[in-house]
Amino acid sequence: MKKKITLLSVLVMLLGLFTTSIASAGPFYRIAYRAAHGLAQSAWNSLGQDCTRTSIFVQIVGDGVDDAVNDIGTKYRGRSAEDFGHGYIDGLMDVLDKVVDRCVNQCQMLGT
């Protein structure tokens, strides 16, 4: 479990490099952020918010990030597409960050 939490923390840290502030973002960013945040939260809820199932959740978020990165510059081009992609990734990562924080705290409370 500790190895999974470390992996999650590294993933969040690395992907956190791509985040921007939603407050100063444009409409495409905000739309994508809200959509991805809702999807990620729904996925986590469907897993029962169970920290023992974080590897499944990380895979779901990772697939979403991969899809967004692959679509930017291939299917879609331009500043609006980039803003949308960044918003989508940030929405996913926001939920992942909260899940990691919760699960790390839960592990620390258990002493593992």
PDB file of N, CA and C in Angstrom:
ATOM      1  N   MET A   1       0.831  -1.191   0.000  1.00  0.00           N
ATOM      2  CA  MET A   1       0.000   0.000   0.000  1.00  0.00           C
ATOM      3  C   MET A   1       0.876   1.255   0.000  1.00  0.00           C
ATOM      4  N   LYS A   2       1.957   1.222   0.776  1.00  0.00           N
ATOM      5  CA  LYS A   2       2.843   2.379   0.841  1.00  0.00           C
ATOM      6  C   LYS A   2       3.461   2.664  -0.525  1.00  0.00           C
ATOM      7  N   LYS A   3       3.794   1.598  -1.268  1.00  0.00           N
ATOM      8  CA  LYS A   3       4.373   1.754  -2.602  1.00  0.00           C
ATOM      9  C   LYS A   3       3.368   2.424  -3.542  1.00  0.00           C
ATOM     10  N   LYS A   4       2.085   2.041  -3.424  1.00  0.00           N
ATOM     11  CA  LYS A   4       1.044   2.639  -4.261  1.00  0.00           C
ATOM     12  C   LYS A   4       0.897   4.125  -3.956  1.00  0.00           C
ATOM     13  N   ILE A   5       0.918   4.465  -2.670  1.00  0.00           N
ATOM     14  CA  ILE A   5       0.758   5.862  -2.272  1.00  0.00           C
ATOM     15  C   ILE A   5       1.932   6.687  -2.791  1.00  0.00           C
ATOM     16  N   THR A   6       3.145   6.129  -2.721  1.00  0.00           N
ATOM     17  CA  THR A   6       4.312   6.832  -3.245  1.00  0.00           C
ATOM     18  C   THR A   6       4.169   7.052  -4.742  1.00  0.00           C
ATOM     19  N   LEU A   7       3.725   6.019  -5.462  1.00  0.00           N
ATOM     20  CA  LEU A   7       3.510   6.130  -6.901  1.00  0.00           C
ATOM     21  C   LEU A   7       2.470   7.199  -7.209  1.00  0.00           C
ATOM     22  N   LEU A   8       1.383   7.213  -6.444  1.00  0.00           N
ATOM     23  CA  LEU A   8       0.344   8.226  -6.637  1.00  0.00           C
ATOM     24  C   LEU A   8       0.908   9.626  -6.413  1.00  0.00           C
ATOM     25  N   SER A   9       1.688   9.788  -5.369  1.00  0.00           N
ATOM     26  CA  SER A   9       2.258  11.100  -5.064  1.00  0.00           C
ATOM     27  C   SER A   9       3.171  11.585  -6.181  1.00  0.00           C
ATOM     28  N   VAL A  10       3.981  10.685  -6.719  1.00  0.00           N
ATOM     29  CA  VAL A  10       4.879  11.047  -7.820  1.00  0.00           C
ATOM     30  C   VAL A  10       4.073  11.435  -9.050  1.00  0.00           C
ATOM     31  N   LEU A  11       3.023  10.662  -9.356  1.00  0.00           N
ATOM     32  CA  LEU A  11       2.180  10.963 -10.510  1.00  0.00           C
ATOM     33  C   LEU A  11       1.546  12.339 -10.377  1.00  0.00           C
ATOM     34  N   VAL A  12       0.998  12.623  -9.205  1.00  0.00           N
ATOM     35  CA  VAL A  12       0.368  13.924  -8.979  1.00  0.00           C
ATOM     36  C   VAL A  12       1.399  15.044  -9.117  1.00  0.00           C
ATOM     37  N   MET A  13       2.584  14.834  -8.568  1.00  0.00           N
ATOM     38  CA  MET A  13       3.622  15.861  -8.644  1.00  0.00           C
ATOM     39  C   MET A  13       4.035  16.124 -10.094  1.00  0.00           C
ATOM     40  N   LEU A  14       4.252  15.060 -10.861  1.00  0.00           N
ATOM     41  CA  LEU A  14       4.676  15.224 -12.250  1.00  0.00           C
ATOM     42  C   LEU A  14       3.599  15.881 -13.095  1.00  0.00           C
ATOM     43  N   LEU A  15       2.383  15.415 -12.957  1.00  0.00           N
ATOM     44  CA  LEU A  15       1.315  15.975 -13.771  1.00  0.00           C
ATOM     45  C   LEU A  15       0.886  17.346 -13.271  1.00  0.00           C
ATOM     46  N   GLY A  16       1.214  17.655 -12.036  1.00  0.00           N
ATOM     47  CA  GLY A  16       0.920  18.966 -11.488  1.00  0.00           C
ATOM     48  C   GLY A  16       1.667  20.079 -12.198  1.00  0.00           C
ATOM     49  N   LEU A  17       2.706  19.727 -12.912  1.00  0.00           N
ATOM     50  CA  LEU A  17       3.460  20.717 -13.674  1.00  0.00           C
ATOM     51  C   LEU A  17       2.621  21.337 -14.783  1.00  0.00           C
ATOM     52  N   PHE A  18       1.558  20.653 -15.194  1.00  0.00           N
ATOM     53  CA  PHE A  18       0.737  21.118 -16.303  1.00  0.00           C
ATOM     54  C   PHE A  18      -0.465  21.946 -15.854  1.00  0.00           C
ATOM     55  N   THR A  19      -0.617  22.150 -14.553  1.00  0.00           N
ATOM     56  CA  THR A  19      -1.814  22.822 -14.072  1.00  0.00           C
ATOM     57  C   THR A  19      -1.720  24.331 -14.234  1.00  0.00           C
ATOM     58  N   THR A  20      -2.882  24.920 -14.399  1.00  0.00           N
ATOM     59  CA  THR A  20      -2.991  26.373 -14.423  1.00  0.00           C
ATOM     60  C   THR A  20      -4.135  26.757 -13.505  1.00  0.00           C
ATOM     61  N   SER A  21      -4.276  28.023 -13.232  1.00  0.00           N
ATOM     62  CA  SER A  21      -5.318  28.491 -12.334  1.00  0.00           C
ATOM     63  C   SER A  21      -6.648  28.581 -13.067  1.00  0.00           C
ATOM     64  N   ILE A  22      -7.673  27.933 -12.515  1.00  0.00           N
ATOM     65  CA  ILE A  22      -8.996  27.955 -13.148  1.00  0.00           C
ATOM     66  C   ILE A  22      -9.616  29.347 -13.071  1.00  0.00           C
ATOM     67  N   ALA A  23      -9.254  30.121 -12.062  1.00  0.00           N
ATOM     68  CA  ALA A  23      -9.842  31.450 -11.906  1.00  0.00           C
ATOM     69  C   ALA A  23      -9.501  32.366 -13.076  1.00  0.00           C
ATOM     70  N   SER A  24      -8.307  32.223 -13.633  1.00  0.00           N
ATOM     71  CA  SER A  24      -7.894  33.101 -14.724  1.00  0.00           C
ATOM     72  C   SER A  24      -8.013  32.428 -16.086  1.00  0.00           C
ATOM     73  N   ALA A  25      -8.624  31.261 -16.132  1.00  0.00           N
ATOM     74  CA  ALA A  25      -8.704  30.493 -17.369  1.00  0.00           C
ATOM     75  C   ALA A  25      -9.894  30.932 -18.221  1.00  0.00           C
ATOM     76  N   GLY A  26      -9.800  30.598 -19.511  1.00  0.00           N
ATOM     77  CA  GLY A  26     -10.863  30.933 -20.446  1.00  0.00           C
ATOM     78  C   GLY A  26     -12.016  29.948 -20.399  1.00  0.00           C
ATOM     79  N   PRO A  27     -13.032  30.189 -21.221  1.00  0.00           N
ATOM     80  CA  PRO A  27     -14.240  29.357 -21.183  1.00  0.00           C
ATOM     81  C   PRO A  27     -14.002  27.900 -21.580  1.00  0.00           C
ATOM     82  N   PHE A  28     -13.118  27.639 -22.536  1.00  0.00           N
ATOM     83  CA  PHE A  28     -12.867  26.251 -22.933  1.00  0.00           C
ATOM     84  C   PHE A  28     -12.193  25.480 -21.804  1.00  0.00           C
ATOM     85  N   TYR A  29     -11.284  26.138 -21.122  1.00  0.00           N
ATOM     86  CA  TYR A  29     -10.617  25.527 -19.971  1.00  0.00           C
ATOM     87  C   TYR A  29     -11.648  25.187 -18.897  1.00  0.00           C
ATOM     88  N   ARG A  30     -12.500  26.150 -18.557  1.00  0.00           N
ATOM     89  CA  ARG A  30     -13.468  25.953 -17.468  1.00  0.00           C
ATOM     90  C   ARG A  30     -14.461  24.847 -17.788  1.00  0.00           C
ATOM     91  N   ILE A  31     -14.939  24.804 -19.018  1.00  0.00           N
ATOM     92  CA  ILE A  31     -15.881  23.751 -19.422  1.00  0.00           C
ATOM     93  C   ILE A  31     -15.230  22.382 -19.279  1.00  0.00           C
ATOM     94  N   ALA A  32     -14.019  22.252 -19.789  1.00  0.00           N
ATOM     95  CA  ALA A  32     -13.319  20.964 -19.734  1.00  0.00           C
ATOM     96  C   ALA A  32     -12.978  20.580 -18.304  1.00  0.00           C
ATOM     97  N   TYR A  33     -12.545  21.552 -17.516  1.00  0.00           N
ATOM     98  CA  TYR A  33     -12.194  21.293 -16.119  1.00  0.00           C
ATOM     99  C   TYR A  33     -13.395  20.718 -15.372  1.00  0.00           C
ATOM    100  N   ARG A  34     -14.523  21.384 -15.503  1.00  0.00           N
ATOM    101  CA  ARG A  34     -15.728  20.931 -14.788  1.00  0.00           C
ATOM    102  C   ARG A  34     -16.171  19.551 -15.257  1.00  0.00           C
ATOM    103  N   ALA A  35     -16.110  19.316 -16.558  1.00  0.00           N
ATOM    104  CA  ALA A  35     -16.515  18.010 -17.097  1.00  0.00           C
ATOM    105  C   ALA A  35     -15.599  16.903 -16.587  1.00  0.00           C
ATOM    106  N   ALA A  36     -14.294  17.118 -16.673  1.00  0.00           N
ATOM    107  CA  ALA A  36     -13.340  16.096 -16.243  1.00  0.00           C
ATOM    108  C   ALA A  36     -13.389  15.886 -14.737  1.00  0.00           C
ATOM    109  N   HIS A  37     -13.550  16.967 -13.996  1.00  0.00           N
ATOM    110  CA  HIS A  37     -13.651  16.863 -12.539  1.00  0.00           C
ATOM    111  C   HIS A  37     -14.858  16.006 -12.168  1.00  0.00           C
ATOM    112  N   GLY A  38     -15.985  16.263 -12.820  1.00  0.00           N
ATOM    113  CA  GLY A  38     -17.190  15.478 -12.557  1.00  0.00           C
ATOM    114  C   GLY A  38     -17.026  14.015 -12.925  1.00  0.00           C
ATOM    115  N   LEU A  39     -16.391  13.753 -14.060  1.00  0.00           N
ATOM    116  CA  LEU A  39     -16.161  12.366 -14.478  1.00  0.00           C
ATOM    117  C   LEU A  39     -15.238  11.636 -13.516  1.00  0.00           C
ATOM    118  N   ALA A  40     -14.159  12.289 -13.114  1.00  0.00           N
ATOM    119  CA  ALA A  40     -13.216  11.656 -12.188  1.00  0.00           C
ATOM    120  C   ALA A  40     -13.866  11.413 -10.835  1.00  0.00           C
ATOM    121  N   GLN A  41     -14.635  12.381 -10.364  1.00  0.00           N
ATOM    122  CA  GLN A  41     -15.313  12.207  -9.076  1.00  0.00           C
ATOM    123  C   GLN A  41     -16.324  11.074  -9.155  1.00  0.00           C
ATOM    124  N   SER A  42     -17.028  10.986 -10.263  1.00  0.00           N
ATOM    125  CA  SER A  42     -17.986   9.898 -10.469  1.00  0.00           C
ATOM    126  C   SER A  42     -17.284   8.539 -10.489  1.00  0.00           C
ATOM    127  N   ALA A  43     -16.125   8.475 -11.145  1.00  0.00           N
ATOM    128  CA  ALA A  43     -15.354   7.223 -11.181  1.00  0.00           C
ATOM    129  C   ALA A  43     -14.915   6.830  -9.778  1.00  0.00           C
ATOM    130  N   TRP A  44     -14.426   7.795  -9.007  1.00  0.00           N
ATOM    131  CA  TRP A  44     -13.986   7.512  -7.640  1.00  0.00           C
ATOM    132  C   TRP A  44     -15.169   7.068  -6.782  1.00  0.00           C
ATOM    133  N   ASN A  45     -16.303   7.726  -6.952  1.00  0.00           N
ATOM    134  CA  ASN A  45     -17.504   7.333  -6.212  1.00  0.00           C
ATOM    135  C   ASN A  45     -17.932   5.916  -6.574  1.00  0.00           C
ATOM    136  N   SER A  46     -17.833   5.562  -7.854  1.00  0.00           N
ATOM    137  CA  SER A  46     -18.241   4.218  -8.286  1.00  0.00           C
ATOM    138  C   SER A  46     -17.301   3.143  -7.742  1.00  0.00           C
ATOM    139  N   LEU A  47     -16.089   3.534  -7.367  1.00  0.00           N
ATOM    140  CA  LEU A  47     -15.150   2.603  -6.732  1.00  0.00           C
ATOM    141  C   LEU A  47     -15.347   2.573  -5.217  1.00  0.00           C
ATOM    142  N   GLY A  48     -16.387   3.235  -4.756  1.00  0.00           N
ATOM    143  CA  GLY A  48     -16.708   3.238  -3.335  1.00  0.00           C
ATOM    144  C   GLY A  48     -15.774   4.101  -2.502  1.00  0.00           C
ATOM    145  N   GLN A  49     -15.033   4.990  -3.144  1.00  0.00           N
ATOM    146  CA  GLN A  49     -14.038   5.834  -2.472  1.00  0.00           C
ATOM    147  C   GLN A  49     -13.145   4.982  -1.572  1.00  0.00           C
ATOM    148  N   ASP A  50     -12.775   3.821  -2.089  1.00  0.00           N
ATOM    149  CA  ASP A  50     -12.005   2.813  -1.362  1.00  0.00           C
ATOM    150  C   ASP A  50     -10.521   2.959  -1.697  1.00  0.00           C
ATOM    151  N   CYS A  51      -9.730   3.323  -0.710  1.00  0.00           N
ATOM    152  CA  CYS A  51      -8.299   3.558  -0.932  1.00  0.00           C
ATOM    153  C   CYS A  51      -7.551   2.303  -1.361  1.00  0.00           C
ATOM    154  N   THR A  52      -8.111   1.139  -1.142  1.00  0.00           N
ATOM    155  CA  THR A  52      -7.455  -0.084  -1.622  1.00  0.00           C
ATOM    156  C   THR A  52      -7.647  -0.258  -3.122  1.00  0.00           C
ATOM    157  N   ARG A  53      -8.483   0.571  -3.725  1.00  0.00           N
ATOM    158  CA  ARG A  53      -8.747   0.486  -5.164  1.00  0.00           C
ATOM    159  C   ARG A  53      -8.154   1.674  -5.928  1.00  0.00           C
ATOM    160  N   THR A  54      -7.174   2.328  -5.320  1.00  0.00           N
ATOM    161  CA  THR A  54      -6.586   3.503  -5.962  1.00  0.00           C
ATOM    162  C   THR A  54      -5.872   3.165  -7.264  1.00  0.00           C
ATOM    163  N   SER A  55      -5.338   1.961  -7.373  1.00  0.00           N
ATOM    164  CA  SER A  55      -4.635   1.614  -8.616  1.00  0.00           C
ATOM    165  C   SER A  55      -5.592   1.640  -9.805  1.00  0.00           C
ATOM    166  N   ILE A  56      -6.824   1.221  -9.590  1.00  0.00           N
ATOM    167  CA  ILE A  56      -7.837   1.275 -10.654  1.00  0.00           C
ATOM    168  C   ILE A  56      -8.136   2.736 -10.991  1.00  0.00           C
ATOM    169  N   PHE A  57      -8.277   3.548  -9.954  1.00  0.00           N
ATOM    170  CA  PHE A  57      -8.575   4.962 -10.165  1.00  0.00           C
ATOM    171  C   PHE A  57      -7.428   5.666 -10.889  1.00  0.00           C
ATOM    172  N   VAL A  58      -6.204   5.365 -10.501  1.00  0.00           N
ATOM    173  CA  VAL A  58      -5.042   5.957 -11.171  1.00  0.00           C
ATOM    174  C   VAL A  58      -5.040   5.578 -12.645  1.00  0.00           C
ATOM    175  N   GLN A  59      -5.398   4.340 -12.958  1.00  0.00           N
ATOM    176  CA  GLN A  59      -5.454   3.898 -14.356  1.00  0.00           C
ATOM    177  C   GLN A  59      -6.515   4.686 -15.129  1.00  0.00           C
ATOM    178  N   ILE A  60      -7.669   4.894 -14.505  1.00  0.00           N
ATOM    179  CA  ILE A  60      -8.746   5.659 -15.140  1.00  0.00           C
ATOM    180  C   ILE A  60      -8.277   7.088 -15.430  1.00  0.00           C
ATOM    181  N   VAL A  61      -7.684   7.726 -14.431  1.00  0.00           N
ATOM    182  CA  VAL A  61      -7.198   9.099 -14.605  1.00  0.00           C
ATOM    183  C   VAL A  61      -6.072   9.139 -15.635  1.00  0.00           C
ATOM    184  N   GLY A  62      -5.158   8.196 -15.556  1.00  0.00           N
ATOM    185  CA  GLY A  62      -4.052   8.137 -16.518  1.00  0.00           C
ATOM    186  C   GLY A  62      -4.535   7.987 -17.944  1.00  0.00           C
ATOM    187  N   ASP A  63      -5.544   7.140 -18.139  1.00  0.00           N
ATOM    188  CA  ASP A  63      -6.119   6.975 -19.477  1.00  0.00           C
ATOM    189  C   ASP A  63      -6.742   8.279 -19.966  1.00  0.00           C
ATOM    190  N   GLY A  64      -7.422   8.982 -19.061  1.00  0.00           N
ATOM    191  CA  GLY A  64      -8.022  10.262 -19.428  1.00  0.00           C
ATOM    192  C   GLY A  64      -6.982  11.298 -19.810  1.00  0.00           C
ATOM    193  N   VAL A  65      -5.891  11.346 -19.061  1.00  0.00           N
ATOM    194  CA  VAL A  65      -4.803  12.273 -19.373  1.00  0.00           C
ATOM    195  C   VAL A  65      -4.184  11.911 -20.720  1.00  0.00           C
ATOM    196  N   ASP A  66      -3.929  10.619 -20.931  1.00  0.00           N
ATOM    197  CA  ASP A  66      -3.354  10.173 -22.209  1.00  0.00           C
ATOM    198  C   ASP A  66      -4.243  10.565 -23.383  1.00  0.00           C
ATOM    199  N   ASP A  67      -5.551  10.354 -23.232  1.00  0.00           N
ATOM    200  CA  ASP A  67      -6.488  10.708 -24.302  1.00  0.00           C
ATOM    201  C   ASP A  67      -6.434  12.205 -24.607  1.00  0.00           C
ATOM    202  N   ALA A  68      -6.425  13.020 -23.559  1.00  0.00           N
ATOM    203  CA  ALA A  68      -6.391  14.472 -23.761  1.00  0.00           C
ATOM    204  C   ALA A  68      -5.097  14.899 -24.448  1.00  0.00           C
ATOM    205  N   VAL A  69      -3.977  14.355 -23.996  1.00  0.00           N
ATOM    206  CA  VAL A  69      -2.683  14.710 -24.585  1.00  0.00           C
ATOM    207  C   VAL A  69      -2.616  14.272 -26.043  1.00  0.00           C
ATOM    208  N   ASN A  70      -3.116  13.078 -26.339  1.00  0.00           N
ATOM    209  CA  ASN A  70      -3.087  12.574 -27.712  1.00  0.00           C
ATOM    210  C   ASN A  70      -3.988  13.381 -28.643  1.00  0.00           C
ATOM    211  N   ASP A  71      -5.119  13.851 -28.123  1.00  0.00           N
ATOM    212  CA  ASP A  71      -6.053  14.607 -28.958  1.00  0.00           C
ATOM    213  C   ASP A  71      -5.554  16.013 -29.280  1.00  0.00           C
ATOM    214  N   ILE A  72      -4.828  16.624 -28.339  1.00  0.00           N
ATOM    215  CA  ILE A  72      -4.319  17.975 -28.580  1.00  0.00           C
ATOM    216  C   ILE A  72      -3.204  17.882 -29.617  1.00  0.00           C
ATOM    217  N   GLY A  73      -3.401  18.532 -30.716  1.00  0.00           N
ATOM    218  CA  GLY A  73      -2.384  18.543 -31.763  1.00  0.00           C
ATOM    219  C   GLY A  73      -2.583  17.481 -32.821  1.00  0.00           C
ATOM    220  N   THR A  74      -3.487  16.533 -32.593  1.00  0.00           N
ATOM    221  CA  THR A  74      -3.768  15.539 -33.632  1.00  0.00           C
ATOM    222  C   THR A  74      -5.177  15.759 -34.164  1.00  0.00           C
ATOM    223  N   LYS A  75      -6.183  15.485 -33.340  1.00  0.00           N
ATOM    224  CA  LYS A  75      -7.567  15.697 -33.776  1.00  0.00           C
ATOM    225  C   LYS A  75      -7.933  17.177 -33.746  1.00  0.00           C
ATOM    226  N   TYR A  76      -7.464  17.869 -32.720  1.00  0.00           N
ATOM    227  CA  TYR A  76      -7.864  19.256 -32.502  1.00  0.00           C
ATOM    228  C   TYR A  76      -6.624  20.130 -32.435  1.00  0.00           C
ATOM    229  N   ARG A  77      -6.743  21.341 -32.968  1.00  0.00           N
ATOM    230  CA  ARG A  77      -5.601  22.263 -32.983  1.00  0.00           C
ATOM    231  C   ARG A  77      -6.043  23.650 -32.522  1.00  0.00           C
ATOM    232  N   GLY A  78      -5.072  24.439 -32.168  1.00  0.00           N
ATOM    233  CA  GLY A  78      -5.342  25.826 -31.815  1.00  0.00           C
ATOM    234  C   GLY A  78      -5.378  26.056 -30.317  1.00  0.00           C
ATOM    235  N   ARG A  79      -5.444  27.334 -29.986  1.00  0.00           N
ATOM    236  CA  ARG A  79      -5.410  27.752 -28.583  1.00  0.00           C
ATOM    237  C   ARG A  79      -6.610  27.232 -27.800  1.00  0.00           C
ATOM    238  N   SER A  80      -7.784  27.223 -28.396  1.00  0.00           N
ATOM    239  CA  SER A  80      -8.977  26.738 -27.702  1.00  0.00           C
ATOM    240  C   SER A  80      -8.849  25.258 -27.366  1.00  0.00           C
ATOM    241  N   ALA A  81      -8.309  24.483 -28.301  1.00  0.00           N
ATOM    242  CA  ALA A  81      -8.106  23.052 -28.057  1.00  0.00           C
ATOM    243  C   ALA A  81      -7.088  22.835 -26.942  1.00  0.00           C
ATOM    244  N   GLU A  82      -6.033  23.641 -26.941  1.00  0.00           N
ATOM    245  CA  GLU A  82      -5.033  23.530 -25.874  1.00  0.00           C
ATOM    246  C   GLU A  82      -5.639  23.882 -24.524  1.00  0.00           C
ATOM    247  N   ASP A  83      -6.425  24.961 -24.486  1.00  0.00           N
ATOM    248  CA  ASP A  83      -7.082  25.351 -23.237  1.00  0.00           C
ATOM    249  C   ASP A  83      -8.014  24.249 -22.752  1.00  0.00           C
ATOM    250  N   PHE A  84      -8.772  23.671 -23.677  1.00  0.00           N
ATOM    251  CA  PHE A  84      -9.685  22.591 -23.323  1.00  0.00           C
ATOM    252  C   PHE A  84      -8.893  21.405 -22.762  1.00  0.00           C
ATOM    253  N   GLY A  85      -7.827  21.036 -23.437  1.00  0.00           N
ATOM    254  CA  GLY A  85      -7.007  19.910 -22.984  1.00  0.00           C
ATOM    255  C   GLY A  85      -6.405  20.140 -21.617  1.00  0.00           C
ATOM    256  N   HIS A  86      -5.886  21.339 -21.398  1.00  0.00           N
ATOM    257  CA  HIS A  86      -5.315  21.654 -20.086  1.00  0.00           C
ATOM    258  C   HIS A  86      -6.385  21.632 -19.004  1.00  0.00           C
ATOM    259  N   GLY A  87      -7.554  22.163 -19.310  1.00  0.00           N
ATOM    260  CA  GLY A  87      -8.646  22.138 -18.341  1.00  0.00           C
ATOM    261  C   GLY A  87      -9.074  20.722 -18.011  1.00  0.00           C
ATOM    262  N   TYR A  88      -9.120  19.879 -19.031  1.00  0.00           N
ATOM    263  CA  TYR A  88      -9.517  18.485 -18.833  1.00  0.00           C
ATOM    264  C   TYR A  88      -8.511  17.767 -17.936  1.00  0.00           C
ATOM    265  N   ILE A  89      -7.241  17.938 -18.241  1.00  0.00           N
ATOM    266  CA  ILE A  89      -6.198  17.299 -17.433  1.00  0.00           C
ATOM    267  C   ILE A  89      -6.225  17.830 -16.001  1.00  0.00           C
ATOM    268  N   ASP A  90      -6.373  19.135 -15.848  1.00  0.00           N
ATOM    269  CA  ASP A  90      -6.407  19.716 -14.507  1.00  0.00           C
ATOM    270  C   ASP A  90      -7.610  19.231 -13.705  1.00  0.00           C
ATOM    271  N   GLY A  91      -8.755  19.075 -14.362  1.00  0.00           N
ATOM    272  CA  GLY A  91      -9.934  18.559 -13.671  1.00  0.00           C
ATOM    273  C   GLY A  91      -9.711  17.148 -13.156  1.00  0.00           C
ATOM    274  N   LEU A  92      -9.109  16.308 -13.984  1.00  0.00           N
ATOM    275  CA  LEU A  92      -8.782  14.941 -13.557  1.00  0.00           C
ATOM    276  C   LEU A  92      -7.786  14.958 -12.400  1.00  0.00           C
ATOM    277  N   MET A  93      -6.755  15.782 -12.554  1.00  0.00           N
ATOM    278  CA  MET A  93      -5.692  15.808 -11.556  1.00  0.00           C
ATOM    279  C   MET A  93      -6.151  16.384 -10.228  1.00  0.00           C
ATOM    280  N   ASP A  94      -7.101  17.301 -10.250  1.00  0.00           N
ATOM    281  CA  ASP A  94      -7.623  17.864  -9.010  1.00  0.00           C
ATOM    282  C   ASP A  94      -8.258  16.767  -8.162  1.00  0.00           C
ATOM    283  N   VAL A  95      -9.059  15.930  -8.792  1.00  0.00           N
ATOM    284  CA  VAL A  95      -9.693  14.834  -8.055  1.00  0.00           C
ATOM    285  C   VAL A  95      -8.636  13.833  -7.601  1.00  0.00           C
ATOM    286  N   LEU A  96      -7.688  13.501  -8.470  1.00  0.00           N
ATOM    287  CA  LEU A  96      -6.627  12.566  -8.095  1.00  0.00           C
ATOM    288  C   LEU A  96      -5.845  13.094  -6.897  1.00  0.00           C
ATOM    289  N   ASP A  97      -5.544  14.376  -6.895  1.00  0.00           N
ATOM    290  CA  ASP A  97      -4.810  14.979  -5.788  1.00  0.00           C
ATOM    291  C   ASP A  97      -5.578  14.828  -4.476  1.00  0.00           C
ATOM    292  N   LYS A  98      -6.878  15.063  -4.514  1.00  0.00           N
ATOM    293  CA  LYS A  98      -7.704  14.925  -3.310  1.00  0.00           C
ATOM    294  C   LYS A  98      -7.759  13.478  -2.839  1.00  0.00           C
ATOM    295  N   VAL A  99      -7.852  12.549  -3.788  1.00  0.00           N
ATOM    296  CA  VAL A  99      -7.878  11.126  -3.445  1.00  0.00           C
ATOM    297  C   VAL A  99      -6.552  10.725  -2.797  1.00  0.00           C
ATOM    298  N   VAL A 100      -5.446  11.163  -3.373  1.00  0.00           N
ATOM    299  CA  VAL A 100      -4.127  10.838  -2.813  1.00  0.00           C
ATOM    300  C   VAL A 100      -4.006  11.391  -1.398  1.00  0.00           C
ATOM    301  N   ASP A 101      -4.386  12.650  -1.204  1.00  0.00           N
ATOM    302  CA  ASP A 101      -4.313  13.241   0.134  1.00  0.00           C
ATOM    303  C   ASP A 101      -5.132  12.435   1.132  1.00  0.00           C
ATOM    304  N   ARG A 102      -6.334  12.080   0.742  1.00  0.00           N
ATOM    305  CA  ARG A 102      -7.216  11.322   1.637  1.00  0.00           C
ATOM    306  C   ARG A 102      -6.621   9.962   1.970  1.00  0.00           C
ATOM    307  N   CYS A 103      -6.132   9.268   0.958  1.00  0.00           N
ATOM    308  CA  CYS A 103      -5.622   7.916   1.170  1.00  0.00           C
ATOM    309  C   CYS A 103      -4.295   7.919   1.921  1.00  0.00           C
ATOM    310  N   VAL A 104      -3.452   8.911   1.686  1.00  0.00           N
ATOM    311  CA  VAL A 104      -2.207   9.024   2.449  1.00  0.00           C
ATOM    312  C   VAL A 104      -2.535   9.265   3.916  1.00  0.00           C
ATOM    313  N   ASN A 105      -3.466  10.164   4.175  1.00  0.00           N
ATOM    314  CA  ASN A 105      -3.872  10.432   5.557  1.00  0.00           C
ATOM    315  C   ASN A 105      -4.465   9.194   6.204  1.00  0.00           C
ATOM    316  N   GLN A 106      -5.252   8.449   5.454  1.00  0.00           N
ATOM    317  CA  GLN A 106      -5.862   7.232   5.977  1.00  0.00           C
ATOM    318  C   GLN A 106      -4.779   6.209   6.331  1.00  0.00           C
ATOM    319  N   CYS A 107      -3.774   6.063   5.474  1.00  0.00           N
ATOM    320  CA  CYS A 107      -2.664   5.138   5.747  1.00  0.00           C
ATOM    321  C   CYS A 107      -1.883   5.577   6.975  1.00  0.00           C
ATOM    322  N   GLN A 108      -1.650   6.872   7.096  1.00  0.00           N
ATOM    323  CA  GLN A 108      -0.898   7.379   8.241  1.00  0.00           C
ATOM    324  C   GLN A 108      -1.664   7.157   9.538  1.00  0.00           C
ATOM    325  N   MET A 109      -2.982   7.289   9.495  1.00  0.00           N
ATOM    326  CA  MET A 109      -3.789   7.049  10.690  1.00  0.00           C
ATOM    327  C   MET A 109      -3.738   5.581  11.099  1.00  0.00           C
ATOM    328  N   LEU A 110      -3.626   4.700  10.098  1.00  0.00           N
ATOM    329  CA  LEU A 110      -3.550   3.267  10.382  1.00  0.00           C
ATOM    330  C   LEU A 110      -2.141   2.850  10.784  1.00  0.00           C
ATOM    331  N   GLY A 111      -1.171   3.721  10.532  1.00  0.00           N
ATOM    332  CA  GLY A 111       0.206   3.424  10.885  1.00  0.00           C
ATOM    333  C   GLY A 111       0.918   2.552   9.883  1.00  0.00           C
ATOM    334  N   THR A 112       0.433   2.542   8.616  1.00  0.00           N
ATOM    335  CA  THR A 112       1.076   1.724   7.582  1.00  0.00           C
ATOM    336  C   THR A 112       1.813   2.581   6.608  1.00  0.00           C
TER     337      THR A 112
END
